Amino acid sequence: MATLVFLLQALEKHCRTESGYTGIRDVYQANPPKDDVQQSFFLAETLKYLYLLFSEDDLIPLDKWVLNTEAHPIPVKGVEHPS
């Protein structure tokens, strides 16, 4: 959990702007230049994974669902799912 908190603090410190979040051009620089663009995958994937990491473990039962690379839950074939 400490690593996740560190990650969130780093995102806020290095990527947060007045309008949202941006990428950085060189992670090896102390004060790296920013990309000046918020990638669509940041909201669609990165924040979704962070939400799932901080959520309760039973939010999505992983014996019934699998997450694809974009964090979309897909039902496991042959397993009953509540309607």
PDB file of N, CA and C in Angstrom:
ATOM      1  N   MET A   1       0.824  -1.199   0.000  1.00  0.00           N
ATOM      2  CA  MET A   1       0.000   0.000   0.000  1.00  0.00           C
ATOM      3  C   MET A   1       0.866   1.259   0.000  1.00  0.00           C
ATOM      4  N   ALA A   2       2.010   1.203   0.660  1.00  0.00           N
ATOM      5  CA  ALA A   2       2.895   2.375   0.691  1.00  0.00           C
ATOM      6  C   ALA A   2       3.366   2.737  -0.717  1.00  0.00           C
ATOM      7  N   THR A   3       3.583   1.740  -1.552  1.00  0.00           N
ATOM      8  CA  THR A   3       4.008   2.001  -2.934  1.00  0.00           C
ATOM      9  C   THR A   3       2.908   2.719  -3.707  1.00  0.00           C
ATOM     10  N   LEU A   4       1.660   2.327  -3.479  1.00  0.00           N
ATOM     11  CA  LEU A   4       0.544   2.989  -4.161  1.00  0.00           C
ATOM     12  C   LEU A   4       0.413   4.442  -3.730  1.00  0.00           C
ATOM     13  N   VAL A   5       0.580   4.687  -2.452  1.00  0.00           N
ATOM     14  CA  VAL A   5       0.523   6.060  -1.954  1.00  0.00           C
ATOM     15  C   VAL A   5       1.658   6.881  -2.565  1.00  0.00           C
ATOM     16  N   PHE A   6       2.849   6.298  -2.637  1.00  0.00           N
ATOM     17  CA  PHE A   6       4.002   6.962  -3.265  1.00  0.00           C
ATOM     18  C   PHE A   6       3.686   7.289  -4.728  1.00  0.00           C
ATOM     19  N   LEU A   7       3.059   6.350  -5.429  1.00  0.00           N
ATOM     20  CA  LEU A   7       2.694   6.569  -6.831  1.00  0.00           C
ATOM     21  C   LEU A   7       1.710   7.728  -6.967  1.00  0.00           C
ATOM     22  N   LEU A   8       0.692   7.757  -6.124  1.00  0.00           N
ATOM     23  CA  LEU A   8      -0.274   8.853  -6.179  1.00  0.00           C
ATOM     24  C   LEU A   8       0.373  10.197  -5.875  1.00  0.00           C
ATOM     25  N   GLN A   9       1.267  10.219  -4.901  1.00  0.00           N
ATOM     26  CA  GLN A   9       1.965  11.464  -4.568  1.00  0.00           C
ATOM     27  C   GLN A   9       2.838  11.917  -5.732  1.00  0.00           C
ATOM     28  N   ALA A  10       3.490  10.978  -6.408  1.00  0.00           N
ATOM     29  CA  ALA A  10       4.332  11.316  -7.562  1.00  0.00           C
ATOM     30  C   ALA A  10       3.484  11.853  -8.717  1.00  0.00           C
ATOM     31  N   LEU A  11       2.321  11.249  -8.950  1.00  0.00           N
ATOM     32  CA  LEU A  11       1.423  11.752  -9.997  1.00  0.00           C
ATOM     33  C   LEU A  11       1.003  13.188  -9.700  1.00  0.00           C
ATOM     34  N   GLU A  12       0.633  13.450  -8.465  1.00  0.00           N
ATOM     35  CA  GLU A  12       0.224  14.800  -8.083  1.00  0.00           C
ATOM     36  C   GLU A  12       1.373  15.795  -8.211  1.00  0.00           C
ATOM     37  N   LYS A  13       2.548  15.398  -7.765  1.00  0.00           N
ATOM     38  CA  LYS A  13       3.701  16.305  -7.770  1.00  0.00           C
ATOM     39  C   LYS A  13       4.210  16.600  -9.184  1.00  0.00           C
ATOM     40  N   HIS A  14       4.292  15.578 -10.028  1.00  0.00           N
ATOM     41  CA  HIS A  14       4.967  15.734 -11.315  1.00  0.00           C
ATOM     42  C   HIS A  14       4.030  15.860 -12.517  1.00  0.00           C
ATOM     43  N   CYS A  15       2.789  15.376 -12.398  1.00  0.00           N
ATOM     44  CA  CYS A  15       1.919  15.323 -13.572  1.00  0.00           C
ATOM     45  C   CYS A  15       0.670  16.196 -13.475  1.00  0.00           C
ATOM     46  N   ARG A  16       0.333  16.655 -12.297  1.00  0.00           N
ATOM     47  CA  ARG A  16      -0.875  17.462 -12.112  1.00  0.00           C
ATOM     48  C   ARG A  16      -0.671  18.854 -12.692  1.00  0.00           C
ATOM     49  N   THR A  17      -1.681  19.323 -13.418  1.00  0.00           N
ATOM     50  CA  THR A  17      -1.683  20.684 -13.956  1.00  0.00           C
ATOM     51  C   THR A  17      -2.994  21.348 -13.549  1.00  0.00           C
ATOM     52  N   GLU A  18      -3.192  22.597 -13.916  1.00  0.00           N
ATOM     53  CA  GLU A  18      -4.452  23.288 -13.625  1.00  0.00           C
ATOM     54  C   GLU A  18      -5.628  22.611 -14.317  1.00  0.00           C
ATOM     55  N   SER A  19      -5.381  21.984 -15.463  1.00  0.00           N
ATOM     56  CA  SER A  19      -6.454  21.424 -16.281  1.00  0.00           C
ATOM     57  C   SER A  19      -6.625  19.919 -16.162  1.00  0.00           C
ATOM     58  N   GLY A  20      -5.732  19.228 -15.505  1.00  0.00           N
ATOM     59  CA  GLY A  20      -5.804  17.767 -15.425  1.00  0.00           C
ATOM     60  C   GLY A  20      -4.442  17.184 -15.132  1.00  0.00           C
ATOM     61  N   TYR A  21      -4.070  16.189 -15.915  1.00  0.00           N
ATOM     62  CA  TYR A  21      -2.778  15.522 -15.743  1.00  0.00           C
ATOM     63  C   TYR A  21      -2.072  15.446 -17.083  1.00  0.00           C
ATOM     64  N   THR A  22      -0.759  15.517 -17.058  1.00  0.00           N
ATOM     65  CA  THR A  22       0.032  15.459 -18.274  1.00  0.00           C
ATOM     66  C   THR A  22       1.120  14.418 -18.122  1.00  0.00           C
ATOM     67  N   GLY A  23       1.692  14.023 -19.232  1.00  0.00           N
ATOM     68  CA  GLY A  23       2.854  13.148 -19.197  1.00  0.00           C
ATOM     69  C   GLY A  23       4.107  13.977 -18.993  1.00  0.00           C
ATOM     70  N   ILE A  24       5.201  13.307 -18.685  1.00  0.00           N
ATOM     71  CA  ILE A  24       6.490  13.993 -18.603  1.00  0.00           C
ATOM     72  C   ILE A  24       7.414  13.390 -19.642  1.00  0.00           C
ATOM     73  N   ARG A  25       8.311  14.196 -20.148  1.00  0.00           N
ATOM     74  CA  ARG A  25       9.141  13.776 -21.274  1.00  0.00           C
ATOM     75  C   ARG A  25      10.363  12.957 -20.889  1.00  0.00           C
ATOM     76  N   ASP A  26      10.909  13.193 -19.709  1.00  0.00           N
ATOM     77  CA  ASP A  26      12.136  12.481 -19.315  1.00  0.00           C
ATOM     78  C   ASP A  26      12.092  12.204 -17.816  1.00  0.00           C
ATOM     79  N   VAL A  27      11.838  10.975 -17.450  1.00  0.00           N
ATOM     80  CA  VAL A  27      11.693  10.616 -16.032  1.00  0.00           C
ATOM     81  C   VAL A  27      13.014  10.669 -15.280  1.00  0.00           C
ATOM     82  N   TYR A  28      14.115  10.814 -15.983  1.00  0.00           N
ATOM     83  CA  TYR A  28      15.424  10.860 -15.338  1.00  0.00           C
ATOM     84  C   TYR A  28      15.839  12.270 -14.921  1.00  0.00           C
ATOM     85  N   GLN A  29      15.106  13.282 -15.341  1.00  0.00           N
ATOM     86  CA  GLN A  29      15.422  14.656 -14.968  1.00  0.00           C
ATOM     87  C   GLN A  29      14.726  15.023 -13.662  1.00  0.00           C
ATOM     88  N   ALA A  30      15.370  15.866 -12.859  1.00  0.00           N
ATOM     89  CA  ALA A  30      14.783  16.296 -11.581  1.00  0.00           C
ATOM     90  C   ALA A  30      13.521  17.125 -11.805  1.00  0.00           C
ATOM     91  N   ASN A  31      13.544  18.018 -12.771  1.00  0.00           N
ATOM     92  CA  ASN A  31      12.373  18.836 -13.129  1.00  0.00           C
ATOM     93  C   ASN A  31      12.082  18.639 -14.614  1.00  0.00           C
ATOM     94  N   PRO A  32      11.483  17.516 -14.967  1.00  0.00           N
ATOM     95  CA  PRO A  32      11.310  17.185 -16.385  1.00  0.00           C
ATOM     96  C   PRO A  32      10.282  18.074 -17.077  1.00  0.00           C
ATOM     97  N   PRO A  33      10.485  18.324 -18.365  1.00  0.00           N
ATOM     98  CA  PRO A  33       9.476  19.064 -19.130  1.00  0.00           C
ATOM     99  C   PRO A  33       8.216  18.210 -19.288  1.00  0.00           C
ATOM    100  N   LYS A  34       7.068  18.872 -19.319  1.00  0.00           N
ATOM    101  CA  LYS A  34       5.793  18.176 -19.434  1.00  0.00           C
ATOM    102  C   LYS A  34       5.378  18.059 -20.904  1.00  0.00           C
ATOM    103  N   ASP A  35       4.551  17.066 -21.197  1.00  0.00           N
ATOM    104  CA  ASP A  35       4.063  16.832 -22.560  1.00  0.00           C
ATOM    105  C   ASP A  35       3.036  17.856 -23.013  1.00  0.00           C
ATOM    106  N   ASP A  36       2.325  18.466 -22.063  1.00  0.00           N
ATOM    107  CA  ASP A  36       1.254  19.417 -22.362  1.00  0.00           C
ATOM    108  C   ASP A  36       0.075  18.738 -23.065  1.00  0.00           C
ATOM    109  N   VAL A  37      -0.162  17.465 -22.717  1.00  0.00           N
ATOM    110  CA  VAL A  37      -1.318  16.740 -23.245  1.00  0.00           C
ATOM    111  C   VAL A  37      -1.713  15.676 -22.226  1.00  0.00           C
ATOM    112  N   GLN A  38      -3.017  15.490 -22.043  1.00  0.00           N
ATOM    113  CA  GLN A  38      -3.485  14.413 -21.173  1.00  0.00           C
ATOM    114  C   GLN A  38      -3.925  13.269 -22.078  1.00  0.00           C
ATOM    115  N   GLN A  39      -3.236  12.156 -21.990  1.00  0.00           N
ATOM    116  CA  GLN A  39      -3.559  10.990 -22.811  1.00  0.00           C
ATOM    117  C   GLN A  39      -4.899  10.397 -22.377  1.00  0.00           C
ATOM    118  N   SER A  40      -5.672   9.911 -23.334  1.00  0.00           N
ATOM    119  CA  SER A  40      -6.988   9.346 -23.012  1.00  0.00           C
ATOM    120  C   SER A  40      -6.862   8.119 -22.112  1.00  0.00           C
ATOM    121  N   PHE A  41      -5.804   7.341 -22.262  1.00  0.00           N
ATOM    122  CA  PHE A  41      -5.662   6.135 -21.444  1.00  0.00           C
ATOM    123  C   PHE A  41      -5.430   6.459 -19.971  1.00  0.00           C
ATOM    124  N   PHE A  42      -5.002   7.684 -19.671  1.00  0.00           N
ATOM    125  CA  PHE A  42      -4.793   8.034 -18.265  1.00  0.00           C
ATOM    126  C   PHE A  42      -6.102   7.904 -17.494  1.00  0.00           C
ATOM    127  N   LEU A  43      -7.174   8.462 -18.021  1.00  0.00           N
ATOM    128  CA  LEU A  43      -8.469   8.348 -17.362  1.00  0.00           C
ATOM    129  C   LEU A  43      -9.069   6.959 -17.551  1.00  0.00           C
ATOM    130  N   ALA A  44      -8.990   6.440 -18.766  1.00  0.00           N
ATOM    131  CA  ALA A  44      -9.653   5.186 -19.093  1.00  0.00           C
ATOM    132  C   ALA A  44      -9.010   3.974 -18.434  1.00  0.00           C
ATOM    133  N   GLU A  45      -7.721   3.998 -18.213  1.00  0.00           N
ATOM    134  CA  GLU A  45      -7.037   2.821 -17.688  1.00  0.00           C
ATOM    135  C   GLU A  45      -6.320   3.090 -16.372  1.00  0.00           C
ATOM    136  N   THR A  46      -5.446   4.066 -16.342  1.00  0.00           N
ATOM    137  CA  THR A  46      -4.626   4.298 -15.156  1.00  0.00           C
ATOM    138  C   THR A  46      -5.476   4.570 -13.925  1.00  0.00           C
ATOM    139  N   LEU A  47      -6.424   5.492 -14.029  1.00  0.00           N
ATOM    140  CA  LEU A  47      -7.250   5.807 -12.869  1.00  0.00           C
ATOM    141  C   LEU A  47      -8.175   4.650 -12.499  1.00  0.00           C
ATOM    142  N   LYS A  48      -8.609   3.879 -13.495  1.00  0.00           N
ATOM    143  CA  LYS A  48      -9.449   2.723 -13.199  1.00  0.00           C
ATOM    144  C   LYS A  48      -8.656   1.678 -12.413  1.00  0.00           C
ATOM    145  N   TYR A  49      -7.424   1.430 -12.807  1.00  0.00           N
ATOM    146  CA  TYR A  49      -6.589   0.482 -12.066  1.00  0.00           C
ATOM    147  C   TYR A  49      -6.302   0.993 -10.655  1.00  0.00           C
ATOM    148  N   LEU A  50      -6.042   2.279 -10.504  1.00  0.00           N
ATOM    149  CA  LEU A  50      -5.821   2.828  -9.164  1.00  0.00           C
ATOM    150  C   LEU A  50      -7.066   2.664  -8.302  1.00  0.00           C
ATOM    151  N   TYR A  51      -8.227   2.913  -8.885  1.00  0.00           N
ATOM    152  CA  TYR A  51      -9.481   2.705  -8.140  1.00  0.00           C
ATOM    153  C   TYR A  51      -9.592   1.256  -7.685  1.00  0.00           C
ATOM    154  N   LEU A  52      -9.330   0.331  -8.577  1.00  0.00           N
ATOM    155  CA  LEU A  52      -9.427  -1.087  -8.228  1.00  0.00           C
ATOM    156  C   LEU A  52      -8.398  -1.475  -7.163  1.00  0.00           C
ATOM    157  N   LEU A  53      -7.205  -0.902  -7.234  1.00  0.00           N
ATOM    158  CA  LEU A  53      -6.175  -1.225  -6.245  1.00  0.00           C
ATOM    159  C   LEU A  53      -6.547  -0.745  -4.846  1.00  0.00           C
ATOM    160  N   PHE A  54      -7.251   0.378  -4.756  1.00  0.00           N
ATOM    161  CA  PHE A  54      -7.627   0.918  -3.461  1.00  0.00           C
ATOM    162  C   PHE A  54      -9.009   0.442  -2.991  1.00  0.00           C
ATOM    163  N   SER A  55      -9.733  -0.277  -3.839  1.00  0.00           N
ATOM    164  CA  SER A  55     -11.075  -0.733  -3.475  1.00  0.00           C
ATOM    165  C   SER A  55     -10.996  -1.988  -2.604  1.00  0.00           C
ATOM    166  N   GLU A  56     -12.136  -2.361  -2.038  1.00  0.00           N
ATOM    167  CA  GLU A  56     -12.220  -3.591  -1.261  1.00  0.00           C
ATOM    168  C   GLU A  56     -11.949  -4.781  -2.173  1.00  0.00           C
ATOM    169  N   ASP A  57     -11.351  -5.824  -1.631  1.00  0.00           N
ATOM    170  CA  ASP A  57     -10.978  -6.995  -2.431  1.00  0.00           C
ATOM    171  C   ASP A  57     -12.170  -7.703  -3.076  1.00  0.00           C
ATOM    172  N   ASP A  58     -13.343  -7.585  -2.481  1.00  0.00           N
ATOM    173  CA  ASP A  58     -14.504  -8.290  -3.021  1.00  0.00           C
ATOM    174  C   ASP A  58     -15.317  -7.456  -4.020  1.00  0.00           C
ATOM    175  N   LEU A  59     -14.807  -6.301  -4.431  1.00  0.00           N
ATOM    176  CA  LEU A  59     -15.513  -5.468  -5.408  1.00  0.00           C
ATOM    177  C   LEU A  59     -15.790  -6.253  -6.691  1.00  0.00           C
ATOM    178  N   ILE A  60     -14.762  -6.895  -7.214  1.00  0.00           N
ATOM    179  CA  ILE A  60     -14.891  -7.756  -8.399  1.00  0.00           C
ATOM    180  C   ILE A  60     -14.300  -9.110  -8.025  1.00  0.00           C
ATOM    181  N   PRO A  61     -15.145 -10.133  -7.876  1.00  0.00           N
ATOM    182  CA  PRO A  61     -14.619 -11.454  -7.524  1.00  0.00           C
ATOM    183  C   PRO A  61     -13.800 -12.033  -8.688  1.00  0.00           C
ATOM    184  N   LEU A  62     -12.504 -12.148  -8.478  1.00  0.00           N
ATOM    185  CA  LEU A  62     -11.605 -12.544  -9.564  1.00  0.00           C
ATOM    186  C   LEU A  62     -11.685 -14.027  -9.910  1.00  0.00           C
ATOM    187  N   ASP A  63     -12.494 -14.789  -9.165  1.00  0.00           N
ATOM    188  CA  ASP A  63     -12.758 -16.168  -9.578  1.00  0.00           C
ATOM    189  C   ASP A  63     -13.911 -16.217 -10.586  1.00  0.00           C
ATOM    190  N   LYS A  64     -14.597 -15.078 -10.780  1.00  0.00           N
ATOM    191  CA  LYS A  64     -15.715 -14.994 -11.729  1.00  0.00           C
ATOM    192  C   LYS A  64     -15.464 -14.007 -12.862  1.00  0.00           C
ATOM    193  N   TRP A  65     -14.482 -13.147 -12.676  1.00  0.00           N
ATOM    194  CA  TRP A  65     -14.195 -12.111 -13.670  1.00  0.00           C
ATOM    195  C   TRP A  65     -12.692 -12.021 -13.913  1.00  0.00           C
ATOM    196  N   VAL A  66     -12.312 -11.628 -15.111  1.00  0.00           N
ATOM    197  CA  VAL A  66     -10.922 -11.336 -15.449  1.00  0.00           C
ATOM    198  C   VAL A  66     -10.902  -9.941 -16.048  1.00  0.00           C
ATOM    199  N   LEU A  67      -9.831  -9.199 -15.817  1.00  0.00           N
ATOM    200  CA  LEU A  67      -9.719  -7.845 -16.365  1.00  0.00           C
ATOM    201  C   LEU A  67      -8.830  -7.874 -17.598  1.00  0.00           C
ATOM    202  N   ASN A  68      -9.294  -7.242 -18.680  1.00  0.00           N
ATOM    203  CA  ASN A  68      -8.440  -7.164 -19.865  1.00  0.00           C
ATOM    204  C   ASN A  68      -7.417  -6.041 -19.676  1.00  0.00           C
ATOM    205  N   THR A  69      -6.620  -5.788 -20.690  1.00  0.00           N
ATOM    206  CA  THR A  69      -5.549  -4.794 -20.554  1.00  0.00           C
ATOM    207  C   THR A  69      -6.063  -3.380 -20.364  1.00  0.00           C
ATOM    208  N   GLU A  70      -7.332  -3.143 -20.668  1.00  0.00           N
ATOM    209  CA  GLU A  70      -7.925  -1.820 -20.463  1.00  0.00           C
ATOM    210  C   GLU A  70      -8.768  -1.784 -19.197  1.00  0.00           C
ATOM    211  N   ALA A  71      -8.633  -2.798 -18.344  1.00  0.00           N
ATOM    212  CA  ALA A  71      -9.332  -2.901 -17.054  1.00  0.00           C
ATOM    213  C   ALA A  71     -10.836  -3.085 -17.202  1.00  0.00           C
ATOM    214  N   HIS A  72     -11.266  -3.652 -18.325  1.00  0.00           N
ATOM    215  CA  HIS A  72     -12.681  -3.989 -18.480  1.00  0.00           C
ATOM    216  C   HIS A  72     -12.899  -5.387 -17.909  1.00  0.00           C
ATOM    217  N   PRO A  73     -13.892  -5.549 -17.026  1.00  0.00           N
ATOM    218  CA  PRO A  73     -14.159  -6.889 -16.492  1.00  0.00           C
ATOM    219  C   PRO A  73     -14.855  -7.765 -17.537  1.00  0.00           C
ATOM    220  N   ILE A  74     -14.357  -8.980 -17.692  1.00  0.00           N
ATOM    221  CA  ILE A  74     -14.925  -9.950 -18.630  1.00  0.00           C
ATOM    222  C   ILE A  74     -15.282 -11.191 -17.825  1.00  0.00           C
ATOM    223  N   PRO A  75     -16.525 -11.705 -17.975  1.00  0.00           N
ATOM    224  CA  PRO A  75     -16.910 -12.872 -17.187  1.00  0.00           C
ATOM    225  C   PRO A  75     -16.120 -14.121 -17.585  1.00  0.00           C
ATOM    226  N   VAL A  76     -15.777 -14.921 -16.588  1.00  0.00           N
ATOM    227  CA  VAL A  76     -15.102 -16.193 -16.835  1.00  0.00           C
ATOM    228  C   VAL A  76     -16.141 -17.164 -17.382  1.00  0.00           C
ATOM    229  N   LYS A  77     -15.830 -17.806 -18.486  1.00  0.00           N
ATOM    230  CA  LYS A  77     -16.764 -18.739 -19.134  1.00  0.00           C
ATOM    231  C   LYS A  77     -17.041 -19.923 -18.209  1.00  0.00           C
ATOM    232  N   GLY A  78     -18.304 -20.294 -18.134  1.00  0.00           N
ATOM    233  CA  GLY A  78     -18.684 -21.454 -17.343  1.00  0.00           C
ATOM    234  C   GLY A  78     -18.937 -21.181 -15.874  1.00  0.00           C
ATOM    235  N   VAL A  79     -18.819 -19.910 -15.462  1.00  0.00           N
ATOM    236  CA  VAL A  79     -19.056 -19.530 -14.071  1.00  0.00           C
ATOM    237  C   VAL A  79     -20.349 -18.713 -14.018  1.00  0.00           C
ATOM    238  N   GLU A  80     -21.228 -19.048 -13.071  1.00  0.00           N
ATOM    239  CA  GLU A  80     -22.472 -18.299 -12.944  1.00  0.00           C
ATOM    240  C   GLU A  80     -22.211 -16.892 -12.421  1.00  0.00           C
ATOM    241  N   HIS A  81     -22.943 -15.940 -12.989  1.00  0.00           N
ATOM    242  CA  HIS A  81     -22.823 -14.533 -12.589  1.00  0.00           C
ATOM    243  C   HIS A  81     -24.195 -14.033 -12.189  1.00  0.00           C
ATOM    244  N   PRO A  82     -24.285 -13.241 -11.120  1.00  0.00           N
ATOM    245  CA  PRO A  82     -25.599 -12.694 -10.735  1.00  0.00           C
ATOM    246  C   PRO A  82     -26.149 -11.780 -11.830  1.00  0.00           C
ATOM    247  N   SER A  83     -27.432 -11.785 -12.016  1.00  0.00           N
ATOM    248  CA  SER A  83     -28.062 -10.949 -13.056  1.00  0.00           C
ATOM    249  C   SER A  83     -28.170  -9.529 -12.618  1.00  0.00           C
TER     250      SER A  83
END
